[in-house]
């Protein structure tokens, strides 16, 4: 019998569908709280999956993570406090739209873009999993180093300030990422004698601080004079979205393809995919000057990319048992417990279970629309709450999220320090986005560079000896130096010729 037909009754039954509905609500709640990431939502479901069959267990995790990634956009748009790292790339853009009275447009675009990106990633997962996983396995430390370098160039494009201030902000983020144990020498760096810093500066508390605490401080300084954004009817959530996606359909395709490709690479994830997609959208846009002022184009690209990356991460997880991100690392453990050992043999011995997983991916992205619609309808009332009430609540949830990462008060300390740093930076015209990008990619950049240098015995030419690494290296260097060379060439061409003597 066709494995697909065998999988249908495994998914379309009361147990699986009710489990997915409960997991959807759970994922929306977790994702909307700053600090409680999609990874945490998956981890919290693990004990419950011990009492489930394989298909409902995996279905609950797939649904919860898809909902959590989108739900992070809700506080990002309404309060400029992203619920998950994957929403941080365009939180400022969405919040700028909210201040213009376009909260429904921002959240509706994010919701539909997330569903489209998730569906695209799922189609790629179903049709091309083995072939794409083989490409991802060709990546070594050399390729990942260039990929990190290419990602860091996004700081230039996501920054709305001067390139110099954007570069300084990026350096600040990279410096903070070096705090902790040196990965090669094993020597503590910049820890100030504090044992909690030996493991480095935790990214989630830092991100919460640089968005939530900085925003709280900014509102305290500004005072209550600013009027809350206007609200329109909830049914206008999808109004005008047809025109948005017709106009920016290339962005949807670009974000979905890029998100899936980044998700397939082990160690990458939806947050990196969103940053890269947002930066690429600004670079290729016909209206780059509108980015940062409440322009929907960046949300179309990045919102599609982060959910597409979720599906992409399952390609190496299912085909080779290699986790594409932290979420699939948890899921692989559950698969082993359920007897579905991930790898090529699972497609032979349990094809109906794999097709069952594929079907749950499609269902999760379909139910994202109605559940997301309901969540926005409830969350939008946050804008009616007086600012003097809402910000203490945000501070409470942020503190809980920062503490919950490692069950340590030091996470709260990191949140507060990074929040003050971000506030001071923004007050002086330094953008926060490049610093956060440096925090995300700094460990990946340093770790792969040092490992590659050890493997190459210090030979820098080894970074160009492998075909994929050479292509990525040439592209990265071209992005860095080609604009400078063109500027110098145009400057010399514009110089008037000296008169003959």
Protein backbone atom coordinates (compact mmCIF):
# COMPACT_ATOMS: atom_id res chain seq x y z
CA UNK A 1 0.00 0.00 0.00
CA UNK A 2 1.18 3.58 -0.70
CA UNK A 3 2.93 4.97 2.43
CA UNK A 4 1.09 8.26 1.94
CA UNK A 5 -2.29 6.53 2.16
CA UNK A 6 -1.10 4.60 5.21
CA UNK A 7 -0.08 7.87 6.86
CA UNK A 8 -3.46 9.57 6.44
CA UNK A 9 -5.30 7.66 9.22
CA UNK A 10 -2.26 8.14 11.47
CA UNK A 11 -2.73 11.92 11.27
CA UNK A 12 -6.44 12.50 10.70
CA UNK A 13 -7.78 11.15 13.95
CA UNK A 14 -9.11 12.80 17.09
CA UNK A 15 -5.98 12.24 19.16
CA UNK A 16 -3.56 13.88 16.73
CA UNK A 17 -5.84 16.77 15.75
CA UNK A 18 -6.72 17.63 19.36
CA UNK A 19 -3.04 17.38 20.33
CA UNK A 20 -2.13 19.79 17.55
CA UNK A 21 -4.83 22.24 18.67
CA UNK A 22 -3.58 22.24 22.27
CA UNK A 23 0.04 22.52 21.10
CA UNK A 24 -0.92 25.48 18.89
CA UNK A 25 -2.33 27.40 21.85
CA UNK A 26 0.70 26.46 23.96
CA UNK A 27 3.11 27.63 21.24
CA UNK A 28 1.31 30.95 20.84
CA UNK A 29 1.50 31.63 24.57
CA UNK A 30 5.17 30.68 24.90
CA UNK A 31 6.27 32.53 21.76
CA UNK A 32 4.55 35.76 22.77
CA UNK A 33 6.45 35.97 26.09
CA UNK A 34 9.90 37.58 25.61
CA UNK A 35 12.61 35.05 26.38
CA UNK A 36 10.44 31.93 26.20
CA UNK A 37 11.70 30.76 22.81
CA UNK A 38 10.42 28.17 20.37
CA UNK A 39 13.23 25.90 21.57
CA UNK A 40 11.92 26.19 25.12
CA UNK A 41 8.40 25.37 23.92
CA UNK A 42 9.75 22.19 22.32
CA UNK A 43 11.74 21.25 25.40
CA UNK A 44 8.73 21.72 27.69
CA UNK A 45 6.72 19.31 25.54
CA UNK A 46 9.29 16.50 25.79
CA UNK A 47 8.00 14.97 29.07
CA UNK A 48 4.47 14.85 27.65
CA UNK A 49 5.59 13.08 24.46
CA UNK A 50 6.68 10.04 26.50
CA UNK A 51 2.99 9.14 26.82
CA UNK A 52 2.16 9.65 23.12
CA UNK A 53 2.52 7.63 19.95
CA UNK A 54 5.21 8.84 17.49
CA UNK A 55 2.96 10.83 15.14
CA UNK A 56 1.07 12.89 17.77
CA UNK A 57 4.33 13.44 19.66
CA UNK A 58 6.08 14.91 16.61
CA UNK A 59 2.91 16.73 15.51
CA UNK A 60 2.72 18.55 18.84
CA UNK A 61 6.32 19.75 18.52
CA UNK A 62 5.97 20.82 14.89
CA UNK A 63 2.80 22.79 15.65
CA UNK A 64 4.11 24.42 18.82
CA UNK A 65 7.33 25.62 17.17
CA UNK A 66 5.55 27.03 14.09
CA UNK A 67 3.14 28.93 16.34
CA UNK A 68 5.89 30.15 18.66
CA UNK A 69 7.99 31.55 15.82
CA UNK A 70 5.04 33.59 14.57
CA UNK A 71 3.85 34.57 18.05
CA UNK A 72 7.18 36.27 18.66
CA UNK A 73 6.11 38.84 16.05
CA UNK A 74 3.13 39.99 18.13
CA UNK A 75 4.94 41.74 21.01
CA UNK A 76 7.59 42.83 18.51
CA UNK A 77 4.98 44.73 16.48
CA UNK A 78 2.96 46.06 19.40
CA UNK A 79 5.72 46.90 21.88
CA UNK A 80 9.03 46.58 19.97
CA UNK A 81 9.86 43.63 22.24
CA UNK A 82 10.35 40.49 20.08
CA UNK A 83 9.06 37.32 21.68
CA UNK A 84 11.68 35.09 20.01
CA UNK A 85 15.12 35.73 18.44
CA UNK A 86 13.67 34.95 15.00
CA UNK A 87 11.44 38.04 15.31
CA UNK A 88 14.21 40.44 16.33
CA UNK A 89 15.34 41.23 12.78
CA UNK A 90 12.19 43.15 11.88
CA UNK A 91 10.71 44.09 15.27
CA UNK A 92 11.69 47.73 14.75
CA UNK A 93 10.09 47.76 11.29
CA UNK A 94 6.83 46.26 12.56
CA UNK A 95 6.71 48.60 15.56
CA UNK A 96 7.25 51.58 13.26
CA UNK A 97 4.18 50.45 11.30
CA UNK A 98 2.22 50.17 14.55
CA UNK A 99 3.09 53.77 15.43
CA UNK A 100 1.63 54.76 12.06
CA UNK A 101 -1.62 52.99 12.95
CA UNK A 102 -0.80 49.98 10.75
CA UNK A 103 -0.49 47.29 13.43
CA UNK A 104 -3.02 45.05 11.67
CA UNK A 105 -1.16 45.39 8.37
CA UNK A 106 2.17 44.49 10.00
CA UNK A 107 0.80 41.48 11.89
CA UNK A 108 -1.34 40.29 8.98
CA UNK A 109 1.67 40.42 6.65
CA UNK A 110 3.76 38.54 9.19
CA UNK A 111 1.06 35.89 9.69
CA UNK A 112 0.46 35.17 6.01
CA UNK A 113 4.18 35.38 5.20
CA UNK A 114 4.97 32.89 7.96
CA UNK A 115 2.37 30.45 6.63
CA UNK A 116 3.64 30.77 3.05
CA UNK A 117 7.27 30.37 4.10
CA UNK A 118 6.42 27.34 6.23
CA UNK A 119 4.50 25.70 3.39
CA UNK A 120 7.34 26.33 0.94
CA UNK A 121 9.89 24.85 3.34
CA UNK A 122 7.67 21.83 3.85
CA UNK A 123 7.33 21.24 0.09
CA UNK A 124 11.12 21.39 -0.22
CA UNK A 125 11.42 19.00 2.73
CA UNK A 126 9.08 16.48 1.11
CA UNK A 127 10.46 16.66 -2.44
CA UNK A 128 14.17 17.27 -2.03
CA UNK A 129 15.26 16.15 1.44
CA UNK A 130 18.00 13.66 0.47
CA UNK A 131 19.52 15.82 -2.27
CA UNK A 132 19.58 19.02 -0.18
CA UNK A 133 20.95 17.23 2.85
CA UNK A 134 23.88 15.95 0.76
CA UNK A 135 24.73 19.55 -0.17
CA UNK A 136 24.53 20.64 3.46
CA UNK A 137 26.89 17.85 4.47
CA UNK A 138 29.55 19.29 2.14
CA UNK A 139 29.89 22.28 4.48
CA UNK A 140 32.97 22.22 6.69
CA UNK A 141 34.53 24.88 8.93
CA UNK A 142 35.81 26.73 5.85
CA UNK A 143 32.34 27.12 4.35
CA UNK A 144 30.76 28.05 7.68
CA UNK A 145 33.40 30.73 8.25
CA UNK A 146 32.57 32.41 4.96
CA UNK A 147 28.87 32.00 5.63
CA UNK A 148 29.31 33.80 8.96
CA UNK A 149 31.33 36.56 7.26
CA UNK A 150 28.62 36.94 4.65
CA UNK A 151 26.05 37.16 7.41
CA UNK A 152 28.02 39.86 9.22
CA UNK A 153 27.93 42.04 6.13
CA UNK A 154 24.20 42.23 6.74
CA UNK A 155 25.04 44.70 9.52
CA UNK A 156 25.79 47.29 6.86
CA UNK A 157 22.40 46.79 5.24
CA UNK A 158 20.19 46.49 8.34
CA UNK A 159 21.71 49.62 9.85
CA UNK A 160 19.75 52.82 9.22
CA UNK A 161 22.51 54.95 10.72
CA UNK A 162 25.81 55.87 9.14
CA UNK A 163 27.99 52.95 8.00
CA UNK A 164 30.63 53.96 10.55
CA UNK A 165 28.21 53.82 13.47
CA UNK A 166 26.82 50.53 12.15
CA UNK A 167 30.35 49.08 12.00
CA UNK A 168 31.10 50.26 15.56
CA UNK A 169 27.88 48.66 16.78
CA UNK A 170 28.85 45.41 15.03
CA UNK A 171 32.29 45.48 16.70
CA UNK A 172 30.64 45.96 20.09
CA UNK A 173 28.50 42.86 19.46
CA UNK A 174 31.50 40.82 18.30
CA UNK A 175 33.49 41.91 21.36
CA UNK A 176 30.69 40.83 23.72
CA UNK A 177 30.56 37.49 21.88
CA UNK A 178 34.24 36.86 22.80
CA UNK A 179 33.52 36.91 26.54
CA UNK A 180 34.06 33.48 28.10
CA UNK A 181 36.46 30.59 27.63
CA UNK A 182 38.76 30.81 24.61
CA UNK A 183 37.74 27.84 22.45
CA UNK A 184 41.32 26.99 21.48
CA UNK A 185 43.47 27.94 24.49
CA UNK A 186 40.84 27.22 27.13
CA UNK A 187 41.71 30.51 28.85
CA UNK A 188 39.02 32.83 30.25
CA UNK A 189 38.63 36.14 28.39
CA UNK A 190 37.09 39.35 29.77
CA UNK A 191 35.23 37.50 32.52
CA UNK A 192 36.26 40.03 35.22
CA UNK A 193 36.69 37.10 37.58
CA UNK A 194 32.95 36.31 37.46
CA UNK A 195 32.36 32.52 37.18
CA UNK A 196 28.99 33.01 35.46
CA UNK A 197 30.73 34.67 32.51
CA UNK A 198 32.92 31.64 31.80
CA UNK A 199 30.19 30.32 29.53
CA UNK A 200 29.92 33.66 27.74
CA UNK A 201 27.13 36.23 27.58
CA UNK A 202 23.86 34.36 27.09
CA UNK A 203 22.20 35.57 23.91
CA UNK A 204 18.53 35.37 24.95
CA UNK A 205 18.86 37.54 28.10
CA UNK A 206 21.04 39.94 26.10
CA UNK A 207 18.43 40.20 23.35
CA UNK A 208 15.63 40.75 25.87
CA UNK A 209 17.64 43.51 27.51
CA UNK A 210 18.58 45.25 24.27
CA UNK A 211 14.96 45.38 23.18
CA UNK A 212 12.69 45.26 26.23
CA UNK A 213 14.76 47.07 28.87
CA UNK A 214 15.98 49.67 26.38
CA UNK A 215 12.39 50.32 25.32
CA UNK A 216 11.25 50.62 28.94
CA UNK A 217 14.02 53.14 29.66
CA UNK A 218 13.18 55.06 26.51
CA UNK A 219 9.52 55.35 27.55
CA UNK A 220 10.50 56.39 31.06
CA UNK A 221 12.63 59.21 29.67
CA UNK A 222 10.05 60.28 27.07
CA UNK A 223 7.20 60.37 29.58
CA UNK A 224 3.48 59.74 28.97
CA UNK A 225 3.03 62.42 26.31
CA UNK A 226 3.04 60.06 23.33
CA UNK A 227 -0.45 58.98 22.30
CA UNK A 228 -1.01 55.23 21.77
CA UNK A 229 -1.28 54.05 18.15
CA UNK A 230 -4.75 53.98 16.64
CA UNK A 231 -6.52 50.66 16.25
CA UNK A 232 -8.67 49.62 13.33
CA UNK A 233 -11.15 46.78 13.15
CA UNK A 234 -9.80 43.25 13.51
CA UNK A 235 -11.35 42.21 10.22
CA UNK A 236 -9.01 44.65 8.52
CA UNK A 237 -6.16 42.32 9.45
CA UNK A 238 -6.20 40.81 5.95
CA UNK A 239 -7.36 43.97 4.21
CA UNK A 240 -4.92 45.03 1.54
CA UNK A 241 -2.67 42.00 1.98
CA UNK A 242 -3.45 40.83 -1.55
CA UNK A 243 -1.90 44.00 -2.91
CA UNK A 244 1.09 43.69 -0.57
CA UNK A 245 1.92 40.16 -1.66
CA UNK A 246 1.26 40.89 -5.33
CA UNK A 247 3.67 43.80 -5.16
CA UNK A 248 6.34 42.02 -3.14
CA UNK A 249 5.88 38.44 -4.37
CA UNK A 250 9.57 38.28 -5.21
CA UNK A 251 10.32 38.96 -1.54
CA UNK A 252 8.12 36.05 -0.46
CA UNK A 253 9.90 33.71 -2.86
CA UNK A 254 13.33 35.08 -1.94
CA UNK A 255 12.66 34.85 1.79
CA UNK A 256 11.22 31.33 1.55
CA UNK A 257 14.11 30.04 -0.57
CA UNK A 258 16.75 31.72 1.59
CA UNK A 259 15.10 30.61 4.83
CA UNK A 260 14.91 27.00 3.68
CA UNK A 261 18.54 27.04 2.51
CA UNK A 262 19.80 28.54 5.78
CA UNK A 263 17.66 26.15 7.81
CA UNK A 264 19.19 23.14 6.06
CA UNK A 265 22.67 24.14 7.21
CA UNK A 266 23.38 22.48 10.58
CA UNK A 267 23.85 25.07 13.31
CA UNK A 268 21.96 27.85 11.54
CA UNK A 269 18.35 28.69 12.30
CA UNK A 270 15.38 30.96 11.85
CA UNK A 271 16.99 33.95 13.56
CA UNK A 272 19.99 33.99 11.19
CA UNK A 273 17.66 33.39 8.23
CA UNK A 274 15.50 36.37 9.23
CA UNK A 275 18.49 38.72 9.63
CA UNK A 276 20.00 37.74 6.29
CA UNK A 277 16.66 37.93 4.50
CA UNK A 278 15.83 41.36 5.94
CA UNK A 279 19.25 42.70 4.95
CA UNK A 280 18.99 41.25 1.44
CA UNK A 281 15.50 42.72 1.09
CA UNK A 282 16.82 46.18 1.91
CA UNK A 283 19.78 45.77 -0.42
CA UNK A 284 17.62 44.72 -3.38
CA UNK A 285 14.67 47.02 -2.67
CA UNK A 286 13.75 49.88 -4.97
CA UNK A 287 12.94 51.90 -1.84
CA UNK A 288 15.73 51.15 0.65
CA UNK A 289 15.36 54.56 2.27
CA UNK A 290 11.95 53.51 3.65
CA UNK A 291 13.39 50.62 5.67
CA UNK A 292 13.31 51.39 9.39
CA UNK A 293 10.42 53.82 9.01
CA UNK A 294 7.62 51.24 8.89
CA UNK A 295 8.02 49.61 5.47
CA UNK A 296 6.19 46.34 4.94
CA UNK A 297 8.65 44.92 2.39
CA UNK A 298 11.20 43.84 5.01
CA UNK A 299 8.50 42.04 7.01
CA UNK A 300 7.40 40.13 3.90
CA UNK A 301 10.92 38.78 3.31
CA UNK A 302 12.03 38.07 6.86
CA UNK A 303 8.64 36.78 8.05
CA UNK A 304 8.68 34.18 5.28
CA UNK A 305 12.31 33.24 5.96
CA UNK A 306 12.13 32.34 9.65
CA UNK A 307 9.27 29.86 9.29
CA UNK A 308 10.78 28.37 6.11
CA UNK A 309 13.97 27.76 8.10
CA UNK A 310 12.01 25.59 10.56
CA UNK A 311 11.12 23.12 7.82
CA UNK A 312 14.59 23.30 6.28
CA UNK A 313 16.20 22.30 9.56
CA UNK A 314 14.35 18.97 9.41
CA UNK A 315 16.11 17.95 6.19
CA UNK A 316 19.46 16.92 7.76
CA UNK A 317 17.63 15.80 10.92
CA UNK A 318 15.45 13.22 9.18
CA UNK A 319 17.82 12.14 6.42
CA UNK A 320 21.11 11.93 8.34
CA UNK A 321 20.21 12.37 12.01
CA UNK A 322 22.14 15.66 12.13
CA UNK A 323 20.19 18.46 13.88
CA UNK A 324 19.71 21.56 11.78
CA UNK A 325 19.06 23.69 14.86
CA UNK A 326 18.41 23.40 18.60
CA UNK A 327 14.76 22.44 18.03
CA UNK A 328 15.55 19.47 15.80
CA UNK A 329 18.28 18.43 18.25
CA UNK A 330 15.53 17.94 20.84
CA UNK A 331 13.25 16.24 18.32
CA UNK A 332 15.96 13.75 17.31
CA UNK A 333 16.10 12.58 20.91
CA UNK A 334 12.33 12.05 20.90
CA UNK A 335 12.57 10.15 17.61
CA UNK A 336 15.10 7.76 19.13
CA UNK A 337 12.86 7.20 22.14
CA UNK A 338 9.97 6.39 19.79
CA UNK A 339 12.07 3.92 17.81
CA UNK A 340 12.23 6.14 14.70
CA UNK A 341 16.01 6.27 14.39
CA UNK A 342 16.61 9.23 12.04
CA UNK A 343 18.68 8.46 8.97
CA UNK A 344 18.26 6.96 5.52
CA UNK A 345 16.89 3.68 6.90
CA UNK A 346 13.85 5.34 8.46
CA UNK A 347 12.53 6.03 4.94
CA UNK A 348 12.76 2.27 4.28
CA UNK A 349 11.57 0.76 7.55
CA UNK A 350 8.94 3.34 8.61
CA UNK A 351 7.91 5.32 5.50
CA UNK A 352 4.34 5.77 6.72
CA UNK A 353 5.59 7.52 9.89
CA UNK A 354 7.79 9.88 7.86
CA UNK A 355 4.86 10.76 5.59
CA UNK A 356 2.80 11.29 8.72
CA UNK A 357 5.36 13.84 9.87
CA UNK A 358 5.23 15.54 6.46
CA UNK A 359 1.44 15.81 6.64
CA UNK A 360 1.61 17.37 10.12
CA UNK A 361 3.93 20.04 8.73
CA UNK A 362 1.31 21.03 6.16
CA UNK A 363 -1.46 21.00 8.78
CA UNK A 364 0.59 23.08 11.23
CA UNK A 365 1.10 25.84 8.65
CA UNK A 366 -2.57 25.74 7.62
CA UNK A 367 -3.89 26.08 11.19
CA UNK A 368 -1.37 28.88 11.76
CA UNK A 369 -3.76 31.25 9.95
CA UNK A 370 -6.90 30.84 12.15
CA UNK A 371 -4.98 30.43 15.41
CA UNK A 372 -2.72 33.37 14.59
CA UNK A 373 -5.77 35.45 13.68
CA UNK A 374 -7.31 34.72 17.07
CA UNK A 375 -4.05 35.46 18.89
CA UNK A 376 -3.71 38.84 17.17
CA UNK A 377 -7.32 39.63 18.02
CA UNK A 378 -6.58 39.13 21.71
CA UNK A 379 -3.10 40.65 21.78
CA UNK A 380 -4.00 43.86 19.93
CA UNK A 381 -5.90 45.04 22.99
CA UNK A 382 -2.49 45.53 24.60
CA UNK A 383 -2.41 48.90 22.83
CA UNK A 384 -5.44 50.03 24.85
CA UNK A 385 -3.70 49.39 28.17
CA UNK A 386 -2.13 52.53 29.68
CA UNK A 387 1.64 52.64 29.27
CA UNK A 388 2.11 52.95 33.03
CA UNK A 389 0.57 49.50 33.44
CA UNK A 390 1.90 47.67 30.41
CA UNK A 391 5.61 48.39 30.90
CA UNK A 392 5.81 46.91 34.43
CA UNK A 393 4.11 43.80 33.03
CA UNK A 394 6.64 43.67 30.18
CA UNK A 395 9.45 44.03 32.73
CA UNK A 396 7.99 41.15 34.75
CA UNK A 397 7.72 38.81 31.75
CA UNK A 398 11.17 39.83 30.52
CA UNK A 399 12.67 39.05 33.92
CA UNK A 400 10.96 35.65 33.97
CA UNK A 401 12.21 34.90 30.46
CA UNK A 402 15.80 35.94 31.25
CA UNK A 403 15.80 33.87 34.44
CA UNK A 404 14.23 30.80 32.82
CA UNK A 405 17.04 30.31 30.28
CA UNK A 406 19.48 28.88 32.85
CA UNK A 407 17.41 29.19 36.04
CA UNK A 408 19.94 31.79 37.17
CA UNK A 409 19.63 35.35 38.41
CA UNK A 410 22.75 36.17 36.40
CA UNK A 411 20.59 36.06 33.28
CA UNK A 412 18.59 38.93 34.77
CA UNK A 413 21.84 40.84 35.40
CA UNK A 414 22.87 40.36 31.76
CA UNK A 415 19.45 41.57 30.66
CA UNK A 416 19.72 44.77 32.69
CA UNK A 417 23.31 45.57 31.68
CA UNK A 418 22.65 44.96 27.99
CA UNK A 419 19.46 47.00 28.19
CA UNK A 420 21.33 50.00 29.58
CA UNK A 421 24.03 49.56 26.92
CA UNK A 422 21.44 49.46 24.12
CA UNK A 423 19.66 52.52 25.52
CA UNK A 424 22.89 54.53 25.62
CA UNK A 425 23.80 53.39 22.09
CA UNK A 426 20.48 54.38 20.58
CA UNK A 427 20.42 57.71 22.39
CA UNK A 428 23.71 58.51 20.68
CA UNK A 429 22.67 57.35 17.22
CA UNK A 430 24.26 53.87 17.24
CA UNK A 431 21.87 51.18 15.92
CA UNK A 432 21.31 48.08 18.06
CA UNK A 433 20.66 45.61 15.20
CA UNK A 434 24.35 45.22 14.13
CA UNK A 435 25.37 44.55 17.75
CA UNK A 436 22.77 41.79 18.04
CA UNK A 437 23.94 40.34 14.73
CA UNK A 438 27.49 40.29 16.09
CA UNK A 439 26.27 38.43 19.17
CA UNK A 440 24.49 35.85 17.00
CA UNK A 441 27.27 35.18 14.52
CA UNK A 442 30.35 35.93 16.65
CA UNK A 443 30.74 32.45 18.18
CA UNK A 444 30.09 30.81 14.79
CA UNK A 445 32.67 33.04 13.12
CA UNK A 446 35.41 32.54 15.72
CA UNK A 447 34.84 28.84 16.28
CA UNK A 448 34.92 27.91 12.62
CA UNK A 449 37.87 30.21 11.88
CA UNK A 450 40.04 28.77 14.64
CA UNK A 451 39.14 25.17 13.81
CA UNK A 452 39.77 25.78 10.10
CA UNK A 453 43.15 27.39 10.82
CA UNK A 454 44.19 24.40 12.92
CA UNK A 455 43.12 21.98 10.16
CA UNK A 456 44.93 24.05 7.51
CA UNK A 457 48.05 24.47 9.67
CA UNK A 458 47.77 28.23 9.38
CA UNK A 459 47.47 28.30 5.58
CA UNK A 460 44.99 31.06 4.66
CA UNK A 461 44.77 29.84 1.06
CA UNK A 462 42.97 26.75 2.37
CA UNK A 463 39.88 28.94 2.76
CA UNK A 464 39.67 29.05 -1.05
CA UNK A 465 40.69 25.48 -1.92
CA UNK A 466 37.25 23.87 -1.59
CA UNK A 467 34.78 24.79 -4.37
CA UNK A 468 31.87 25.89 -2.16
CA UNK A 469 34.21 27.77 0.20
CA UNK A 470 35.86 29.52 -2.77
CA UNK A 471 32.50 30.66 -4.15
CA UNK A 472 31.33 31.95 -0.75
CA UNK A 473 34.71 33.63 -0.18
CA UNK A 474 34.68 35.42 -3.53
CA UNK A 475 31.08 36.58 -2.99
CA UNK A 476 31.90 37.86 0.51
CA UNK A 477 35.02 39.73 -0.61
CA UNK A 478 33.13 41.19 -3.56
CA UNK A 479 30.39 42.49 -1.25
CA UNK A 480 33.06 44.06 0.97
CA UNK A 481 35.37 45.65 -1.56
CA UNK A 482 33.45 46.07 -4.83
CA UNK A 483 31.39 49.10 -3.64
CA UNK A 484 34.59 50.76 -2.39
CA UNK A 485 36.43 50.13 -5.66
CA UNK A 486 33.46 51.41 -7.70
CA UNK A 487 33.32 54.55 -5.57
CA UNK A 488 37.03 55.20 -6.07
CA UNK A 489 36.75 54.55 -9.81
CA UNK A 490 33.79 56.91 -10.18
CA UNK A 491 35.63 59.54 -8.15
CA UNK A 492 38.65 59.41 -10.41
CA UNK A 493 36.48 59.44 -13.54
CA UNK A 494 34.73 62.56 -12.29
CA UNK A 495 37.98 64.49 -11.76
CA UNK A 496 38.48 67.16 -14.44
CA UNK A 497 41.39 66.58 -16.76
CA UNK A 498 44.40 68.83 -16.07
CA UNK A 499 44.90 71.51 -18.76
CA UNK A 500 47.89 71.08 -21.06
CA UNK A 501 50.99 73.11 -20.18
